[in-house]
């Protein structure tokens, strides 16, 4: 199924809670930014580096994966004609034949998301420590990272604006990037921990809609993990 935005916002905080030594509790769900911690004056905005096309394919899969192909509306079949894979009459996958999984597309999308978020940053509530958190769907090498940070540094210069910390989460690492666009930490993400965080994010997000604000992450985390 397609995950709600709040699922990703919770997964971001879970990754900081488990992996980042400087994590502090007291985060409250908000809007612009997605999370705020007024006790320690921290704001956190969360985003995914995924293109609109990838988002449409993700939504299509969430709606129809595993269903009989003849149950899929004609208009959707036409939209993804040639990109869908059917086995025994059921949809088993939909992919981008033109290279949706190519690292360059995710690289470009991350830069676009950063530029977009920074452009809107003036409308956000400000805190002593202002942070962006990005999910990245490919595992970058050192060259990829240097290119990403160089592009972000150029965007900061052009906008004459920057945030204090940037977190980039991949399947293998949580990168902590400082205001000068230097990597402070590259924290290894154990596979079993990623599995646990995904499970807990699903549990916590099941009780909350995307537009619900004002609730405490820490209280929900403790309630769900005890119940689990």
C-alpha atoms as a PDB file:
ATOM      1  CA  UNK A   1       0.000   0.000   0.000  1.00  0.00           C
ATOM      2  CA  UNK A   2       1.025   3.597  -0.531  1.00  0.00           C
ATOM      3  CA  UNK A   3       2.436   5.122   2.628  1.00  0.00           C
ATOM      4  CA  UNK A   4       1.027   8.356   4.018  1.00  0.00           C
ATOM      5  CA  UNK A   5       3.312  11.374   4.311  1.00  0.00           C
ATOM      6  CA  UNK A   6       3.191  11.035   8.079  1.00  0.00           C
ATOM      7  CA  UNK A   7       4.708   7.541   7.768  1.00  0.00           C
ATOM      8  CA  UNK A   8       7.850   9.029   6.219  1.00  0.00           C
ATOM      9  CA  UNK A   9       7.906  11.849   8.773  1.00  0.00           C
ATOM     10  CA  UNK A  10       7.777   9.293  11.595  1.00  0.00           C
ATOM     11  CA  UNK A  11      10.420   7.113   9.949  1.00  0.00           C
ATOM     12  CA  UNK A  12      12.706  10.151   9.800  1.00  0.00           C
ATOM     13  CA  UNK A  13      12.401  10.739  13.545  1.00  0.00           C
ATOM     14  CA  UNK A  14      12.843   7.054  14.311  1.00  0.00           C
ATOM     15  CA  UNK A  15      16.098   7.017  12.368  1.00  0.00           C
ATOM     16  CA  UNK A  16      17.362  10.012  14.346  1.00  0.00           C
ATOM     17  CA  UNK A  17      16.216   8.469  17.621  1.00  0.00           C
ATOM     18  CA  UNK A  18      18.082   5.222  16.979  1.00  0.00           C
ATOM     19  CA  UNK A  19      21.135   6.433  15.071  1.00  0.00           C
ATOM     20  CA  UNK A  20      21.994  10.049  15.886  1.00  0.00           C
ATOM     21  CA  UNK A  21      23.828  10.567  19.173  1.00  0.00           C
ATOM     22  CA  UNK A  22      22.583  14.157  19.497  1.00  0.00           C
ATOM     23  CA  UNK A  23      18.903  13.226  19.252  1.00  0.00           C
ATOM     24  CA  UNK A  24      16.683  14.739  21.944  1.00  0.00           C
ATOM     25  CA  UNK A  25      12.999  13.959  22.634  1.00  0.00           C
ATOM     26  CA  UNK A  26      10.078  16.448  22.841  1.00  0.00           C
ATOM     27  CA  UNK A  27       9.242  16.543  19.107  1.00  0.00           C
ATOM     28  CA  UNK A  28       5.697  17.632  18.309  1.00  0.00           C
ATOM     29  CA  UNK A  29       3.980  17.117  14.942  1.00  0.00           C
ATOM     30  CA  UNK A  30       3.570  20.415  13.142  1.00  0.00           C
ATOM     31  CA  UNK A  31       3.489  21.970   9.712  1.00  0.00           C
ATOM     32  CA  UNK A  32       6.263  24.077   8.172  1.00  0.00           C
ATOM     33  CA  UNK A  33       8.288  22.421   9.578  1.00  0.00           C
ATOM     34  CA  UNK A  34       6.902  18.898   9.946  1.00  0.00           C
ATOM     35  CA  UNK A  35       8.334  18.506  13.454  1.00  0.00           C
ATOM     36  CA  UNK A  36       9.300  21.026  16.089  1.00  0.00           C
ATOM     37  CA  UNK A  37      10.957  20.701  19.449  1.00  0.00           C
ATOM     38  CA  UNK A  38      10.390  23.921  21.364  1.00  0.00           C
ATOM     39  CA  UNK A  39      12.195  22.651  24.459  1.00  0.00           C
ATOM     40  CA  UNK A  40      15.509  22.398  22.584  1.00  0.00           C
ATOM     41  CA  UNK A  41      14.532  24.801  19.748  1.00  0.00           C
ATOM     42  CA  UNK A  42      14.820  22.373  16.817  1.00  0.00           C
ATOM     43  CA  UNK A  43      12.755  22.283  13.623  1.00  0.00           C
ATOM     44  CA  UNK A  44      12.756  19.376  11.155  1.00  0.00           C
ATOM     45  CA  UNK A  45      11.296  19.316   7.632  1.00  0.00           C
ATOM     46  CA  UNK A  46      11.064  15.918   5.889  1.00  0.00           C
ATOM     47  CA  UNK A  47      11.033  15.117   2.174  1.00  0.00           C
ATOM     48  CA  UNK A  48      11.600  12.211  -0.238  1.00  0.00           C
ATOM     49  CA  UNK A  49      13.789  12.387  -3.329  1.00  0.00           C
ATOM     50  CA  UNK A  50      11.243  10.821  -5.645  1.00  0.00           C
ATOM     51  CA  UNK A  51      10.057  12.229  -8.969  1.00  0.00           C
ATOM     52  CA  UNK A  52       6.398  12.786  -9.878  1.00  0.00           C
ATOM     53  CA  UNK A  53       6.636   9.926 -12.343  1.00  0.00           C
ATOM     54  CA  UNK A  54       8.047   7.604  -9.700  1.00  0.00           C
ATOM     55  CA  UNK A  55       5.299   8.765  -7.363  1.00  0.00           C
ATOM     56  CA  UNK A  56       2.621   7.908  -9.932  1.00  0.00           C
ATOM     57  CA  UNK A  57       4.114   4.446 -10.423  1.00  0.00           C
ATOM     58  CA  UNK A  58       4.309   3.941  -6.660  1.00  0.00           C
ATOM     59  CA  UNK A  59       0.639   4.943  -6.351  1.00  0.00           C
ATOM     60  CA  UNK A  60      -0.339   2.626  -9.241  1.00  0.00           C
ATOM     61  CA  UNK A  61       1.426  -0.286  -7.545  1.00  0.00           C
ATOM     62  CA  UNK A  62      -0.215   0.514  -4.219  1.00  0.00           C
ATOM     63  CA  UNK A  63      -3.648   0.444  -5.865  1.00  0.00           C
ATOM     64  CA  UNK A  64      -3.335  -2.593  -8.111  1.00  0.00           C
ATOM     65  CA  UNK A  65      -0.362  -4.784  -7.171  1.00  0.00           C
ATOM     66  CA  UNK A  66      -1.531  -8.390  -6.831  1.00  0.00           C
ATOM     67  CA  UNK A  67      -4.908  -7.705  -8.419  1.00  0.00           C
ATOM     68  CA  UNK A  68      -6.255  -9.320 -11.545  1.00  0.00           C
ATOM     69  CA  UNK A  69      -5.131  -7.344 -14.594  1.00  0.00           C
ATOM     70  CA  UNK A  70      -8.681  -7.202 -15.952  1.00  0.00           C
ATOM     71  CA  UNK A  71      -9.777  -5.396 -12.760  1.00  0.00           C
ATOM     72  CA  UNK A  72      -7.483  -2.426 -13.474  1.00  0.00           C
ATOM     73  CA  UNK A  73      -9.350   0.511 -15.093  1.00  0.00           C
ATOM     74  CA  UNK A  74      -8.641   0.936 -18.800  1.00  0.00           C
ATOM     75  CA  UNK A  75      -7.327   4.502 -18.344  1.00  0.00           C
ATOM     76  CA  UNK A  76      -4.699   3.265 -15.884  1.00  0.00           C
ATOM     77  CA  UNK A  77      -3.789   0.317 -18.076  1.00  0.00           C
ATOM     78  CA  UNK A  78      -3.169   2.717 -20.957  1.00  0.00           C
ATOM     79  CA  UNK A  79      -1.099   5.080 -18.786  1.00  0.00           C
ATOM     80  CA  UNK A  80       1.298   2.288 -17.796  1.00  0.00           C
ATOM     81  CA  UNK A  81       1.117   0.196 -20.935  1.00  0.00           C
ATOM     82  CA  UNK A  82       4.463  -1.499 -21.537  1.00  0.00           C
ATOM     83  CA  UNK A  83       5.636  -0.789 -17.987  1.00  0.00           C
ATOM     84  CA  UNK A  84       3.524  -3.347 -16.138  1.00  0.00           C
ATOM     85  CA  UNK A  85       4.371  -6.997 -15.610  1.00  0.00           C
ATOM     86  CA  UNK A  86       1.617  -9.584 -15.289  1.00  0.00           C
ATOM     87  CA  UNK A  87       1.960 -13.197 -14.164  1.00  0.00           C
ATOM     88  CA  UNK A  88      -0.931 -15.680 -14.041  1.00  0.00           C
ATOM     89  CA  UNK A  89      -3.292 -12.814 -14.792  1.00  0.00           C
ATOM     90  CA  UNK A  90      -2.143 -10.689 -11.826  1.00  0.00           C
ATOM     91  CA  UNK A  91      -0.090  -7.499 -11.723  1.00  0.00           C
ATOM     92  CA  UNK A  92       3.256  -8.301 -10.121  1.00  0.00           C
ATOM     93  CA  UNK A  93       5.270  -5.138 -10.864  1.00  0.00           C
ATOM     94  CA  UNK A  94       5.333  -1.775 -12.589  1.00  0.00           C
ATOM     95  CA  UNK A  95       8.628  -0.112 -13.491  1.00  0.00           C
ATOM     96  CA  UNK A  96      10.000   2.682 -15.625  1.00  0.00           C
ATOM     97  CA  UNK A  97      11.447   1.170 -18.778  1.00  0.00           C
ATOM     98  CA  UNK A  98      13.358   4.405 -19.386  1.00  0.00           C
ATOM     99  CA  UNK A  99      15.474   4.013 -16.275  1.00  0.00           C
ATOM    100  CA  UNK A 100      13.487   5.293 -13.338  1.00  0.00           C
ATOM    101  CA  UNK A 101      15.920   3.542 -11.035  1.00  0.00           C
ATOM    102  CA  UNK A 102      18.885   5.304 -12.636  1.00  0.00           C
ATOM    103  CA  UNK A 103      20.833   7.081  -9.913  1.00  0.00           C
ATOM    104  CA  UNK A 104      20.942  10.315 -11.900  1.00  0.00           C
ATOM    105  CA  UNK A 105      17.172  10.762 -11.733  1.00  0.00           C
ATOM    106  CA  UNK A 106      17.221  10.442  -7.932  1.00  0.00           C
ATOM    107  CA  UNK A 107      20.287  12.682  -7.721  1.00  0.00           C
ATOM    108  CA  UNK A 108      18.494  15.404  -9.708  1.00  0.00           C
ATOM    109  CA  UNK A 109      15.297  14.984  -7.706  1.00  0.00           C
ATOM    110  CA  UNK A 110      17.149  15.417  -4.407  1.00  0.00           C
ATOM    111  CA  UNK A 111      18.681  18.666  -5.646  1.00  0.00           C
ATOM    112  CA  UNK A 112      15.276  19.869  -6.866  1.00  0.00           C
ATOM    113  CA  UNK A 113      13.668  19.024  -3.537  1.00  0.00           C
ATOM    114  CA  UNK A 114      16.396  20.824  -1.627  1.00  0.00           C
ATOM    115  CA  UNK A 115      16.066  23.925  -3.796  1.00  0.00           C
ATOM    116  CA  UNK A 116      12.284  23.878  -3.424  1.00  0.00           C
ATOM    117  CA  UNK A 117      12.401  23.480   0.360  1.00  0.00           C
ATOM    118  CA  UNK A 118      15.019  26.186   0.748  1.00  0.00           C
ATOM    119  CA  UNK A 119      12.953  28.532  -1.431  1.00  0.00           C
ATOM    120  CA  UNK A 120      10.011  28.098   0.956  1.00  0.00           C
ATOM    121  CA  UNK A 121      12.150  28.219   4.090  1.00  0.00           C
ATOM    122  CA  UNK A 122      11.380  31.899   4.744  1.00  0.00           C
ATOM    123  CA  UNK A 123       7.739  30.896   5.400  1.00  0.00           C
ATOM    124  CA  UNK A 124       8.657  28.295   8.019  1.00  0.00           C
ATOM    125  CA  UNK A 125       8.751  28.782  11.763  1.00  0.00           C
ATOM    126  CA  UNK A 126      12.389  29.273  12.756  1.00  0.00           C
ATOM    127  CA  UNK A 127      14.303  27.611  15.553  1.00  0.00           C
ATOM    128  CA  UNK A 128      17.820  27.743  16.919  1.00  0.00           C
ATOM    129  CA  UNK A 129      18.611  24.586  14.924  1.00  0.00           C
ATOM    130  CA  UNK A 130      16.756  24.236  11.616  1.00  0.00           C
ATOM    131  CA  UNK A 131      17.041  20.896   9.829  1.00  0.00           C
ATOM    132  CA  UNK A 132      16.049  19.230   6.569  1.00  0.00           C
ATOM    133  CA  UNK A 133      15.701  15.452   6.295  1.00  0.00           C
ATOM    134  CA  UNK A 134      15.758  13.676   2.918  1.00  0.00           C
ATOM    135  CA  UNK A 135      15.091  10.061   2.007  1.00  0.00           C
ATOM    136  CA  UNK A 136      17.265   8.948  -0.889  1.00  0.00           C
ATOM    137  CA  UNK A 137      16.293   5.786  -2.774  1.00  0.00           C
ATOM    138  CA  UNK A 138      19.737   4.933  -4.092  1.00  0.00           C
ATOM    139  CA  UNK A 139      23.017   4.303  -2.317  1.00  0.00           C
ATOM    140  CA  UNK A 140      25.433   7.070  -3.364  1.00  0.00           C
ATOM    141  CA  UNK A 141      29.167   6.610  -3.675  1.00  0.00           C
ATOM    142  CA  UNK A 142      31.684   9.233  -2.559  1.00  0.00           C
ATOM    143  CA  UNK A 143      31.569  10.979  -5.941  1.00  0.00           C
ATOM    144  CA  UNK A 144      27.764  11.120  -5.890  1.00  0.00           C
ATOM    145  CA  UNK A 145      27.849  12.656  -2.419  1.00  0.00           C
ATOM    146  CA  UNK A 146      30.436  15.266  -3.352  1.00  0.00           C
ATOM    147  CA  UNK A 147      28.326  16.270  -6.367  1.00  0.00           C
ATOM    148  CA  UNK A 148      25.148  16.453  -4.301  1.00  0.00           C
ATOM    149  CA  UNK A 149      26.748  18.611  -1.614  1.00  0.00           C
ATOM    150  CA  UNK A 150      28.440  20.836  -4.183  1.00  0.00           C
ATOM    151  CA  UNK A 151      25.079  21.482  -5.845  1.00  0.00           C
ATOM    152  CA  UNK A 152      23.448  22.209  -2.486  1.00  0.00           C
ATOM    153  CA  UNK A 153      26.254  24.603  -1.607  1.00  0.00           C
ATOM    154  CA  UNK A 154      25.643  26.493  -4.873  1.00  0.00           C
ATOM    155  CA  UNK A 155      21.913  26.695  -4.092  1.00  0.00           C
ATOM    156  CA  UNK A 156      22.676  28.105  -0.629  1.00  0.00           C
ATOM    157  CA  UNK A 157      24.908  30.748  -2.186  1.00  0.00           C
ATOM    158  CA  UNK A 158      22.300  31.728  -4.765  1.00  0.00           C
ATOM    159  CA  UNK A 159      19.514  31.907  -2.188  1.00  0.00           C
ATOM    160  CA  UNK A 160      21.678  33.505   0.514  1.00  0.00           C
ATOM    161  CA  UNK A 161      19.982  31.092   2.874  1.00  0.00           C
ATOM    162  CA  UNK A 162      20.873  27.793   4.533  1.00  0.00           C
ATOM    163  CA  UNK A 163      19.750  25.420   7.253  1.00  0.00           C
ATOM    164  CA  UNK A 164      21.857  24.245  10.151  1.00  0.00           C
ATOM    165  CA  UNK A 165      21.771  20.499   9.547  1.00  0.00           C
ATOM    166  CA  UNK A 166      20.780  18.186   6.701  1.00  0.00           C
ATOM    167  CA  UNK A 167      20.093  14.496   7.177  1.00  0.00           C
ATOM    168  CA  UNK A 168      20.159  12.126   4.191  1.00  0.00           C
ATOM    169  CA  UNK A 169      18.944   8.577   4.794  1.00  0.00           C
ATOM    170  CA  UNK A 170      19.727   5.762   2.359  1.00  0.00           C
ATOM    171  CA  UNK A 171      19.294   2.011   2.815  1.00  0.00           C
ATOM    172  CA  UNK A 172      22.847   1.827   4.176  1.00  0.00           C
ATOM    173  CA  UNK A 173      23.729   5.125   5.873  1.00  0.00           C
ATOM    174  CA  UNK A 174      22.380   8.145   7.673  1.00  0.00           C
ATOM    175  CA  UNK A 175      24.489  11.121   6.575  1.00  0.00           C
ATOM    176  CA  UNK A 176      24.650  14.164   8.839  1.00  0.00           C
ATOM    177  CA  UNK A 177      25.654  17.285   6.907  1.00  0.00           C
ATOM    178  CA  UNK A 178      26.524  20.619   8.492  1.00  0.00           C
ATOM    179  CA  UNK A 179      25.782  24.180   7.400  1.00  0.00           C
ATOM    180  CA  UNK A 180      28.938  24.332   5.240  1.00  0.00           C
ATOM    181  CA  UNK A 181      27.838  21.189   3.364  1.00  0.00           C
ATOM    182  CA  UNK A 182      30.467  18.957   4.924  1.00  0.00           C
ATOM    183  CA  UNK A 183      29.588  15.468   6.131  1.00  0.00           C
ATOM    184  CA  UNK A 184      29.868  15.393   9.918  1.00  0.00           C
ATOM    185  CA  UNK A 185      28.870  11.748  10.252  1.00  0.00           C
ATOM    186  CA  UNK A 186      28.169   8.752   8.018  1.00  0.00           C
ATOM    187  CA  UNK A 187      26.285   6.384  10.306  1.00  0.00           C
ATOM    188  CA  UNK A 188      25.843   2.786   9.202  1.00  0.00           C
ATOM    189  CA  UNK A 189      22.226   1.555   9.263  1.00  0.00           C
ATOM    190  CA  UNK A 190      22.063  -2.144  10.252  1.00  0.00           C
ATOM    191  CA  UNK A 191      19.501  -4.010   8.070  1.00  0.00           C
ATOM    192  CA  UNK A 192      17.669  -5.407  11.101  1.00  0.00           C
ATOM    193  CA  UNK A 193      17.324  -1.885  12.513  1.00  0.00           C
ATOM    194  CA  UNK A 194      15.899  -0.587   9.237  1.00  0.00           C
ATOM    195  CA  UNK A 195      13.342  -3.394   9.332  1.00  0.00           C
ATOM    196  CA  UNK A 196      12.437  -2.501  12.907  1.00  0.00           C
ATOM    197  CA  UNK A 197      12.080   1.213  12.108  1.00  0.00           C
ATOM    198  CA  UNK A 198       9.822   0.487   9.133  1.00  0.00           C
ATOM    199  CA  UNK A 199       7.608  -1.725  11.307  1.00  0.00           C
ATOM    200  CA  UNK A 200       7.382   0.907  14.051  1.00  0.00           C
ATOM    201  CA  UNK A 201       6.694   3.725  11.555  1.00  0.00           C
ATOM    202  CA  UNK A 202       3.786   1.715  10.157  1.00  0.00           C
ATOM    203  CA  UNK A 203       2.409   1.118  13.652  1.00  0.00           C
ATOM    204  CA  UNK A 204       2.600   4.747  14.746  1.00  0.00           C
ATOM    205  CA  UNK A 205       1.360   6.224  11.448  1.00  0.00           C
ATOM    206  CA  UNK A 206      -1.672   3.931  11.414  1.00  0.00           C
ATOM    207  CA  UNK A 207      -3.223   6.100  14.130  1.00  0.00           C
ATOM    208  CA  UNK A 208      -2.568   9.452  12.455  1.00  0.00           C
ATOM    209  CA  UNK A 209      -3.649  11.300   9.323  1.00  0.00           C
ATOM    210  CA  UNK A 210      -1.265  13.513   7.368  1.00  0.00           C
ATOM    211  CA  UNK A 211      -3.043  16.683   8.520  1.00  0.00           C
ATOM    212  CA  UNK A 212      -3.193  15.850  12.213  1.00  0.00           C
ATOM    213  CA  UNK A 213      -0.843  18.096  14.204  1.00  0.00           C
ATOM    214  CA  UNK A 214      -0.008  18.784  17.838  1.00  0.00           C
ATOM    215  CA  UNK A 215       0.730  15.233  18.964  1.00  0.00           C
ATOM    216  CA  UNK A 216       3.901  14.068  20.690  1.00  0.00           C
ATOM    217  CA  UNK A 217       6.156  11.670  18.802  1.00  0.00           C
ATOM    218  CA  UNK A 218       7.761  10.392  21.995  1.00  0.00           C
ATOM    219  CA  UNK A 219       4.433   9.566  23.627  1.00  0.00           C
ATOM    220  CA  UNK A 220       3.245   7.712  20.532  1.00  0.00           C
ATOM    221  CA  UNK A 221       6.567   5.897  20.189  1.00  0.00           C
ATOM    222  CA  UNK A 222       6.449   4.670  23.775  1.00  0.00           C
ATOM    223  CA  UNK A 223       2.800   3.680  23.529  1.00  0.00           C
ATOM    224  CA  UNK A 224       3.225   1.696  20.299  1.00  0.00           C
ATOM    225  CA  UNK A 225       6.495  -0.011  21.219  1.00  0.00           C
ATOM    226  CA  UNK A 226       5.099  -1.108  24.578  1.00  0.00           C
ATOM    227  CA  UNK A 227       1.950  -2.404  22.871  1.00  0.00           C
ATOM    228  CA  UNK A 228       4.045  -4.118  20.191  1.00  0.00           C
END
